[in-house]
Protein backbone atom coordinates (compact mmCIF):
# COMPACT_ATOMS: atom_id res chain seq x y z
CA MET A 1 -32.39 2.75 -79.30
CA SER A 2 -33.64 4.59 -76.18
CA VAL A 3 -35.26 2.72 -73.35
CA ASP A 4 -38.65 4.40 -73.91
CA LYS A 5 -38.77 3.13 -77.54
CA MET A 6 -37.70 -0.43 -76.77
CA PRO A 7 -40.43 -2.87 -78.00
CA ASP A 8 -42.26 -4.78 -75.34
CA LEU A 9 -41.45 -8.08 -77.05
CA LEU A 10 -37.69 -7.31 -76.75
CA ILE A 11 -38.10 -6.49 -73.06
CA ILE A 12 -39.99 -9.76 -72.46
CA GLY A 13 -37.23 -11.69 -74.21
CA PHE A 14 -34.66 -10.11 -71.91
CA ILE A 15 -36.86 -10.93 -68.90
CA PHE A 16 -37.07 -14.63 -69.84
CA LEU A 17 -33.35 -14.86 -70.34
CA THR A 18 -32.88 -13.10 -66.97
CA GLY A 19 -35.21 -15.64 -65.41
CA TRP A 20 -33.07 -18.46 -66.83
CA ILE A 21 -29.87 -16.80 -65.51
CA ALA A 22 -31.52 -16.39 -62.09
CA HIS A 23 -32.44 -20.06 -62.04
CA VAL A 24 -28.73 -20.99 -62.85
CA ILE A 25 -27.45 -18.63 -60.15
CA SER A 26 -30.04 -19.97 -57.69
CA SER A 27 -28.99 -23.59 -58.20
CA ARG A 28 -25.33 -22.76 -57.74
CA ALA A 29 -25.60 -20.24 -54.87
CA HIS A 30 -28.56 -21.92 -53.10
CA ILE A 31 -30.48 -18.61 -53.01
CA PRO A 32 -34.21 -18.69 -53.79
CA ARG A 33 -34.96 -17.62 -57.36
CA VAL A 34 -37.63 -15.24 -56.02
CA THR A 35 -35.08 -13.19 -54.08
CA ILE A 36 -32.73 -12.97 -57.16
CA LEU A 37 -35.60 -11.96 -59.50
CA LEU A 38 -36.91 -9.35 -57.13
CA SER A 39 -33.36 -7.95 -56.69
CA ILE A 40 -32.88 -7.78 -60.48
CA GLY A 41 -36.23 -6.05 -60.77
CA VAL A 42 -35.22 -3.45 -58.14
CA ILE A 43 -31.91 -2.78 -59.92
CA ALA A 44 -33.55 -2.52 -63.37
CA GLY A 45 -36.40 -0.42 -62.09
CA PRO A 46 -36.75 3.32 -61.47
CA ALA A 47 -35.17 2.99 -57.99
CA VAL A 48 -31.71 2.33 -59.51
CA LEU A 49 -30.98 2.02 -63.25
CA ASP A 50 -34.47 2.81 -64.65
CA LEU A 51 -33.97 0.54 -67.68
CA VAL A 52 -37.66 -0.05 -68.43
CA SER A 53 -40.20 2.57 -69.41
CA PRO A 54 -43.22 3.23 -67.18
CA GLU A 55 -45.47 2.10 -70.01
CA PHE A 56 -44.17 -1.44 -69.73
CA THR A 57 -44.47 -1.61 -65.92
CA GLN A 58 -48.10 -0.64 -66.29
CA HIS A 59 -48.66 -4.24 -67.44
CA PHE A 60 -47.84 -5.35 -63.86
CA SER A 61 -51.49 -5.53 -62.81
CA THR A 62 -52.49 -7.89 -65.70
CA VAL A 63 -49.38 -10.16 -65.21
CA SER A 64 -50.08 -10.20 -61.45
CA HIS A 65 -53.62 -11.42 -62.06
CA LEU A 66 -52.54 -14.10 -64.52
CA ALA A 67 -49.78 -15.40 -62.26
CA LEU A 68 -51.80 -15.41 -59.04
CA ALA A 69 -54.83 -16.94 -60.74
CA MET A 70 -52.70 -20.00 -61.69
CA ILE A 71 -51.07 -20.08 -58.24
CA GLY A 72 -54.51 -20.00 -56.63
CA PHE A 73 -55.65 -22.84 -58.88
CA LEU A 74 -52.63 -24.99 -57.96
CA LEU A 75 -53.06 -24.25 -54.25
CA GLY A 76 -56.66 -25.36 -54.44
CA GLU A 77 -55.56 -28.67 -55.82
CA SER A 78 -52.97 -28.96 -52.99
CA PHE A 79 -55.63 -28.37 -50.37
CA ALA A 80 -58.27 -30.68 -51.92
CA GLY A 81 -55.85 -33.40 -53.09
CA ARG A 82 -56.02 -36.90 -51.70
CA ASP A 83 -52.52 -36.77 -50.35
CA ILE A 84 -53.38 -34.27 -47.60
CA LYS A 85 -56.90 -35.46 -46.78
CA ALA A 86 -55.84 -36.58 -43.29
CA GLU A 87 -53.99 -33.24 -42.71
CA ARG A 88 -56.74 -30.75 -43.52
CA ARG A 89 -57.66 -30.32 -39.84
CA GLN A 90 -54.01 -29.36 -39.17
CA ILE A 91 -53.97 -26.95 -42.10
CA LEU A 92 -57.14 -25.13 -41.06
CA PHE A 93 -55.96 -24.89 -37.43
CA ILE A 94 -52.37 -23.76 -38.23
CA SER A 95 -53.56 -21.18 -40.82
CA LEU A 96 -55.96 -19.75 -38.26
CA GLY A 97 -53.23 -19.46 -35.71
CA ALA A 98 -50.85 -17.93 -38.24
CA SER A 99 -53.43 -15.18 -38.84
CA ILE A 100 -54.79 -14.55 -35.35
CA VAL A 101 -51.54 -14.48 -33.36
CA PRO A 102 -49.63 -12.00 -35.58
CA ALA A 103 -52.73 -9.78 -35.62
CA ILE A 104 -52.77 -9.78 -31.81
CA ALA A 105 -48.96 -9.27 -31.58
CA VAL A 106 -48.97 -6.32 -34.04
CA PHE A 107 -52.03 -4.67 -32.49
CA SER A 108 -50.51 -4.84 -28.97
CA SER A 109 -47.06 -3.65 -29.99
CA VAL A 110 -48.12 -0.80 -32.28
CA LEU A 111 -50.74 0.43 -29.74
CA LEU A 112 -48.08 0.37 -27.05
CA VAL A 113 -45.65 2.42 -29.12
CA THR A 114 -48.00 4.86 -30.92
CA SER A 115 -51.10 4.95 -28.71
CA ASP A 116 -53.02 5.18 -32.05
CA LEU A 117 -55.92 2.69 -31.82
CA ALA A 118 -56.98 3.00 -35.48
CA LEU A 119 -53.46 2.56 -36.73
CA ALA A 120 -52.93 -0.51 -34.49
CA LEU A 121 -56.15 -2.08 -35.69
CA VAL A 122 -55.48 -1.74 -39.46
CA LEU A 123 -51.81 -2.81 -39.21
CA ALA A 124 -52.92 -5.85 -37.21
CA GLY A 125 -55.23 -6.77 -40.15
CA ILE A 126 -52.50 -6.19 -42.76
CA ALA A 127 -50.08 -8.41 -40.78
CA THR A 128 -52.23 -11.49 -41.52
CA ALA A 129 -51.49 -11.46 -45.24
CA THR A 130 -48.83 -13.68 -46.87
CA ASP A 131 -47.39 -14.18 -50.34
CA PRO A 132 -48.38 -17.59 -51.69
CA ALA A 133 -46.60 -17.04 -54.98
CA ALA A 134 -43.16 -16.66 -53.41
CA THR A 135 -43.71 -19.60 -51.02
CA VAL A 136 -44.91 -22.00 -53.78
CA ASP A 137 -42.02 -20.94 -56.06
CA VAL A 138 -39.44 -21.82 -53.39
CA ILE A 139 -41.06 -25.26 -52.83
CA ARG A 140 -41.10 -26.00 -56.52
CA GLU A 141 -37.64 -24.61 -57.32
CA PHE A 142 -35.85 -26.62 -54.61
CA ARG A 143 -38.13 -29.73 -55.08
CA ALA A 144 -39.01 -29.75 -51.37
CA ARG A 145 -40.84 -32.92 -50.34
CA GLY A 146 -42.14 -33.81 -46.92
CA PRO A 147 -44.83 -32.98 -44.33
CA VAL A 148 -43.71 -29.37 -43.85
CA SER A 149 -43.84 -28.57 -47.58
CA ARG A 150 -47.10 -30.39 -48.02
CA ILE A 151 -48.90 -28.70 -45.16
CA LEU A 152 -47.32 -25.36 -46.02
CA LYS A 153 -48.96 -25.30 -49.41
CA GLY A 154 -52.27 -25.91 -47.75
CA VAL A 155 -51.68 -23.21 -45.12
CA VAL A 156 -50.80 -20.47 -47.62
CA ALA A 157 -53.85 -21.48 -49.60
CA VAL A 158 -56.17 -20.87 -46.64
CA ASP A 159 -54.57 -18.19 -44.52
CA ASP A 160 -55.38 -15.39 -46.95
CA ALA A 161 -59.05 -16.23 -46.45
CA TRP A 162 -58.65 -15.91 -42.70
CA GLY A 163 -56.58 -12.77 -43.25
CA ILE A 164 -59.23 -11.04 -45.38
CA ILE A 165 -61.94 -11.84 -42.82
CA ILE A 166 -59.82 -10.56 -39.89
CA PHE A 167 -58.69 -7.46 -41.80
CA CYS A 168 -62.24 -6.46 -42.82
CA LEU A 169 -63.49 -6.85 -39.25
CA LEU A 170 -60.62 -4.81 -37.80
CA LEU A 171 -61.01 -2.16 -40.52
CA ALA A 172 -64.76 -1.94 -39.79
CA ILE A 173 -63.98 -1.36 -36.07
CA ALA A 174 -61.32 1.25 -36.87
CA THR A 175 -63.77 3.02 -39.24
CA ALA A 176 -66.55 3.02 -36.70
CA LEU A 177 -64.28 4.41 -33.98
CA SER A 178 -63.10 7.22 -36.33
CA GLY A 179 -66.67 8.14 -37.26
CA GLU A 180 -66.03 7.56 -40.96
CA GLY A 181 -68.45 5.37 -42.89
CA THR A 182 -70.63 2.48 -41.65
CA SER A 183 -69.09 -0.53 -40.04
CA ILE A 184 -71.86 -2.84 -41.20
CA VAL A 185 -71.10 -1.95 -44.79
CA ASP A 186 -67.46 -2.77 -44.34
CA ILE A 187 -68.24 -6.13 -42.71
CA ALA A 188 -70.65 -6.97 -45.53
CA TYR A 189 -67.93 -6.14 -48.03
CA GLY A 190 -65.54 -8.55 -46.26
CA VAL A 191 -68.16 -11.28 -46.25
CA TRP A 192 -68.84 -10.74 -49.96
CA ASP A 193 -65.08 -10.74 -50.76
CA VAL A 194 -64.63 -14.20 -49.22
CA CYS A 195 -68.00 -15.95 -49.69
CA GLY A 196 -68.54 -14.51 -53.15
CA ALA A 197 -65.12 -15.72 -54.30
CA LEU A 198 -65.76 -19.21 -52.94
CA LEU A 199 -69.21 -19.37 -54.54
CA LEU A 200 -67.87 -18.17 -57.87
CA GLY A 201 -64.99 -20.73 -57.84
CA ALA A 202 -67.45 -23.53 -57.11
CA LEU A 203 -69.94 -22.45 -59.79
CA ILE A 204 -67.26 -22.37 -62.48
CA GLY A 205 -65.51 -25.46 -61.14
CA ILE A 206 -68.54 -27.76 -61.53
CA PRO A 207 -68.86 -27.39 -65.31
CA MET A 208 -65.10 -27.35 -65.67
CA SER A 209 -64.73 -30.69 -63.85
CA VAL A 210 -67.24 -32.23 -66.30
CA VAL A 211 -65.88 -30.70 -69.54
CA ILE A 212 -62.11 -30.86 -69.29
CA GLY A 213 -60.06 -33.91 -70.10
CA ARG A 214 -62.55 -35.45 -72.54
CA HIS A 215 -60.64 -34.85 -75.72
CA ARG A 216 -57.38 -36.20 -74.28
CA PRO A 217 -58.32 -38.79 -71.62
CA GLY A 218 -56.49 -38.55 -68.29
CA GLU A 219 -55.22 -34.97 -68.58
CA PRO A 220 -56.76 -31.73 -69.95
CA THR A 221 -55.04 -29.60 -72.57
CA ILE A 222 -53.31 -26.41 -71.46
CA VAL A 223 -55.72 -24.29 -73.54
CA GLU A 224 -58.90 -25.56 -71.90
CA ALA A 225 -57.46 -25.55 -68.34
CA MET A 226 -56.10 -21.97 -68.61
CA GLY A 227 -59.27 -20.85 -70.27
CA PHE A 228 -61.35 -21.83 -67.26
CA VAL A 229 -58.81 -20.50 -64.81
CA PHE A 230 -58.60 -17.02 -66.49
CA ILE A 231 -62.38 -16.84 -66.87
CA CYS A 232 -62.73 -17.53 -63.19
CA GLY A 233 -60.11 -14.94 -62.24
CA GLY A 234 -61.64 -12.36 -64.62
CA CYS A 235 -65.19 -12.90 -63.26
CA ALA A 236 -63.83 -12.48 -59.74
CA ILE A 237 -62.26 -9.12 -60.67
CA TYR A 238 -65.46 -8.04 -62.40
CA PHE A 239 -67.66 -8.94 -59.37
CA ASP A 240 -65.06 -7.40 -57.01
CA VAL A 241 -64.23 -10.52 -55.03
CA SER A 242 -60.86 -12.13 -54.29
CA TYR A 243 -59.61 -13.71 -57.51
CA LEU A 244 -56.99 -15.64 -55.57
CA LEU A 245 -59.64 -17.35 -53.37
CA ALA A 246 -61.91 -17.86 -56.40
CA CYS A 247 -59.25 -19.68 -58.34
CA MET A 248 -58.26 -21.67 -55.31
CA MET A 249 -61.88 -22.84 -54.94
CA LEU A 250 -61.88 -23.59 -58.68
CA GLY A 251 -58.90 -25.86 -58.28
CA ALA A 252 -60.29 -27.52 -55.15
CA THR A 253 -63.62 -28.22 -56.90
CA VAL A 254 -62.02 -29.78 -59.98
CA ALA A 255 -59.63 -31.87 -57.83
CA ARG A 256 -62.64 -33.31 -55.92
CA ARG A 257 -65.12 -33.75 -58.75
CA ALA A 258 -63.02 -34.56 -61.89
CA LYS A 259 -62.54 -38.24 -61.08
CA HIS A 260 -61.80 -39.09 -64.71
CA ILE A 261 -58.61 -36.99 -64.70
CA GLU A 262 -55.34 -38.27 -63.38
CA ARG A 263 -53.18 -35.10 -63.58
CA PRO A 264 -55.42 -32.08 -64.13
CA PHE A 265 -52.84 -29.55 -63.00
CA HIS A 266 -49.58 -30.69 -64.65
CA ASP A 267 -49.87 -28.35 -67.68
CA ILE A 268 -50.91 -25.40 -65.55
CA GLU A 269 -47.84 -25.87 -63.26
CA THR A 270 -45.53 -25.88 -66.33
CA ALA A 271 -47.22 -22.91 -68.02
CA SER A 272 -47.18 -20.75 -64.88
CA ASP A 273 -43.40 -20.51 -64.77
CA PRO A 274 -42.87 -17.75 -67.41
CA PHE A 275 -45.70 -15.71 -65.92
CA LEU A 276 -44.06 -16.00 -62.50
CA VAL A 277 -40.71 -14.83 -63.89
CA ILE A 278 -42.36 -11.70 -65.30
CA PHE A 279 -44.40 -11.27 -62.13
CA PHE A 280 -41.40 -11.31 -59.74
CA ILE A 281 -39.24 -9.04 -61.87
CA LEU A 282 -42.06 -6.49 -62.29
CA SER A 283 -42.71 -6.75 -58.58
CA GLY A 284 -39.10 -5.77 -57.99
CA MET A 285 -39.41 -2.84 -60.41
CA ASN A 286 -42.47 -1.62 -58.44
CA LEU A 287 -40.74 -1.81 -55.06
CA ASP A 288 -39.81 1.66 -53.84
CA LEU A 289 -36.49 1.46 -52.00
CA SER A 290 -36.74 5.08 -50.99
CA ALA A 291 -39.61 4.02 -48.71
CA LEU A 292 -37.08 2.30 -46.52
CA ASN A 293 -35.98 5.73 -45.32
CA THR A 294 -39.43 6.19 -43.79
CA LEU A 295 -39.31 3.01 -41.70
CA GLY A 296 -39.67 4.55 -38.24
CA ILE A 297 -40.29 2.95 -34.88
CA ALA A 298 -43.82 1.89 -35.87
CA GLY A 299 -42.48 0.09 -38.95
CA ILE A 300 -39.76 -1.67 -36.94
CA VAL A 301 -42.28 -2.73 -34.31
CA TYR A 302 -44.62 -3.98 -37.05
CA VAL A 303 -41.92 -6.08 -38.76
CA VAL A 304 -40.68 -7.65 -35.49
CA ALA A 305 -44.16 -8.29 -34.12
CA ARG A 306 -45.41 -9.83 -37.38
CA CYS A 307 -42.41 -12.16 -37.57
CA ILE A 308 -42.79 -13.32 -34.00
CA GLY A 309 -46.57 -13.64 -34.40
CA LYS A 310 -46.37 -15.75 -37.58
CA ILE A 311 -43.68 -18.04 -36.11
CA LEU A 312 -45.31 -18.49 -32.67
CA GLY A 313 -48.84 -18.63 -34.01
CA ALA A 314 -47.97 -21.49 -36.32
CA GLN A 315 -45.95 -23.28 -33.61
CA ILE A 316 -48.66 -22.96 -30.92
CA PHE A 317 -51.57 -24.05 -33.13
CA ALA A 318 -49.52 -26.85 -34.77
CA HIS A 319 -48.84 -28.21 -31.27
CA CYS A 320 -52.51 -28.00 -30.40
CA ALA A 321 -53.37 -29.76 -33.66
CA GLN A 322 -50.89 -32.53 -32.70
CA SER A 323 -48.71 -31.96 -35.75
CA SER A 324 -45.34 -33.64 -36.01
CA PRO A 325 -42.39 -31.94 -34.24
CA GLN A 326 -40.91 -31.23 -37.65
CA VAL A 327 -44.00 -29.26 -38.75
CA THR A 328 -44.32 -27.48 -35.39
CA LYS A 329 -40.73 -26.30 -35.39
CA HIS A 330 -40.15 -25.18 -38.98
CA LEU A 331 -43.46 -24.23 -40.68
CA GLY A 332 -43.89 -20.83 -39.11
CA TRP A 333 -40.56 -19.59 -40.53
CA CYS A 334 -41.96 -20.24 -44.01
CA LEU A 335 -44.86 -17.76 -43.61
CA LEU A 336 -42.90 -14.49 -43.62
CA PRO A 337 -43.13 -13.47 -47.31
CA GLN A 338 -45.71 -10.73 -47.87
CA ALA A 339 -46.64 -8.83 -51.00
CA GLY A 340 -49.63 -7.72 -53.09
CA VAL A 341 -52.48 -8.64 -50.74
CA ALA A 342 -50.91 -6.51 -47.98
CA ILE A 343 -50.58 -3.50 -50.28
CA GLY A 344 -54.16 -4.01 -51.50
CA MET A 345 -55.30 -3.91 -47.87
CA ALA A 346 -53.30 -0.73 -47.32
CA LEU A 347 -54.92 0.91 -50.34
CA LEU A 348 -58.34 0.03 -48.92
CA VAL A 349 -57.28 1.72 -45.60
CA SER A 350 -56.29 4.84 -47.49
CA GLU A 351 -59.84 5.01 -48.99
CA LYS A 352 -61.62 4.42 -45.71
CA LEU A 353 -59.37 6.25 -43.34
CA PRO A 354 -57.48 9.01 -45.30
CA GLU A 355 -56.12 10.59 -42.15
CA ILE A 356 -53.81 7.56 -41.60
CA GLY A 357 -53.95 6.13 -45.09
CA GLU A 358 -50.76 7.60 -46.42
CA SER A 359 -48.66 6.45 -43.45
CA VAL A 360 -50.17 2.94 -43.59
CA LEU A 361 -49.53 2.63 -47.32
CA THR A 362 -45.94 3.85 -46.98
CA LEU A 363 -45.37 1.38 -44.19
CA ALA A 364 -46.93 -1.49 -46.15
CA VAL A 365 -44.73 -0.76 -49.23
CA THR A 366 -41.63 -0.39 -47.06
CA THR A 367 -42.08 -3.63 -45.15
CA THR A 368 -42.98 -5.45 -48.40
CA VAL A 369 -39.49 -4.78 -49.66
CA LEU A 370 -38.01 -6.46 -46.58
CA PHE A 371 -40.45 -9.38 -46.43
CA GLU A 372 -40.19 -10.15 -50.15
CA LEU A 373 -36.39 -10.05 -50.25
CA LEU A 374 -35.78 -11.88 -46.93
CA GLY A 375 -38.87 -14.06 -46.65
CA PRO A 376 -38.00 -16.55 -49.42
CA LEU A 377 -34.56 -16.93 -47.81
CA THR A 378 -36.07 -17.92 -44.49
CA THR A 379 -38.47 -20.31 -46.31
CA ARG A 380 -35.60 -22.04 -48.09
CA TRP A 381 -33.55 -22.22 -44.88
CA SER A 382 -36.45 -23.67 -42.88
CA LEU A 383 -37.25 -26.34 -45.49
CA TYR A 384 -33.55 -27.20 -45.62
CA LYS A 385 -33.41 -27.52 -41.84
CA ALA A 386 -36.48 -29.70 -41.93
CA GLY A 387 -34.60 -32.08 -44.31
CA GLU A 388 -37.02 -31.63 -47.12
CA ILE A 389 -34.68 -30.09 -49.67
CA PRO A 390 -32.33 -32.46 -51.51
CA LYS A 391 -28.66 -32.05 -50.56
CA GLU A 392 -27.74 -30.94 -54.07
CA TYR A 393 -29.72 -27.74 -53.48
């Protein structure tokens, strides 16, 4: 049987077994499952062995939407949950610092090296994005418990909102300086992307919080919960707003309003695992290792400046928010993973500024390979150093 004729169901079966093997290896080698799954995806993908047909990898967009919709829903619950009520000020402050400081660091560094103002502006905006899916998966896999893990889930839930706002503002400035398009239109698009998503999540969350959990008191069924989550994500895609933020707002709304439900997110957390396995492996298949050859001085400067900015930004703003020394020292190292949102930003740059779009997209794809493979490792190491991962892991 040739690879091109292999049934999708057979491929999915192999992916699930691969996910189980990755989990076993992860528990023995103390390497995050995300890194293993991404590595397997790279090896199985067109960059190395080319074991899966392009027709199958075309499903990546749908799987990505499904997985991130559930991740956004769970992050919304983490941010609105009662257990972090006293820490929301810290979360908002740290997430703002972890977005602003790397943007400033990347802008200054890239401008110094390239003298290209438009390139420095858009790369500064892209530097703000993180990968909540990889971060949450590391926390869940290693059963991390403590203030760093708790605040981290809230930070990755919020910082993409800050990131989208900062990126759209910087892209508008770059577009205006280049004479392409209208900056007011770009700013309005950024406002709609964030505010429209939050409004949509709240509008769907209100009836969801009333309806779910009535048939089985205390906990909604997986069917009704996922139905609302996917409807919210689908509406967000239809109205061209951030489906991650919309589903996050959905989860926050239900967590605050559904007082009759004790564990509204337990089934969603369990059901998201197979989607995440497919998501990470397909992410690896879509990573282009050949792009690493194009990582020039601008790419190296971008990687170093973003890492320093994320770490220092979280540390400085955590200190200002009077966070514990444990959070101040370790949380910034957990914010390095970066994936789909950054590539989406780069695609938008290629539409608005075609003269630099190709180089920006190439750099975004290249650095994603590094941040996705190494970022989960630094997250696991930081949580371990913070004493929040059990010794058996």
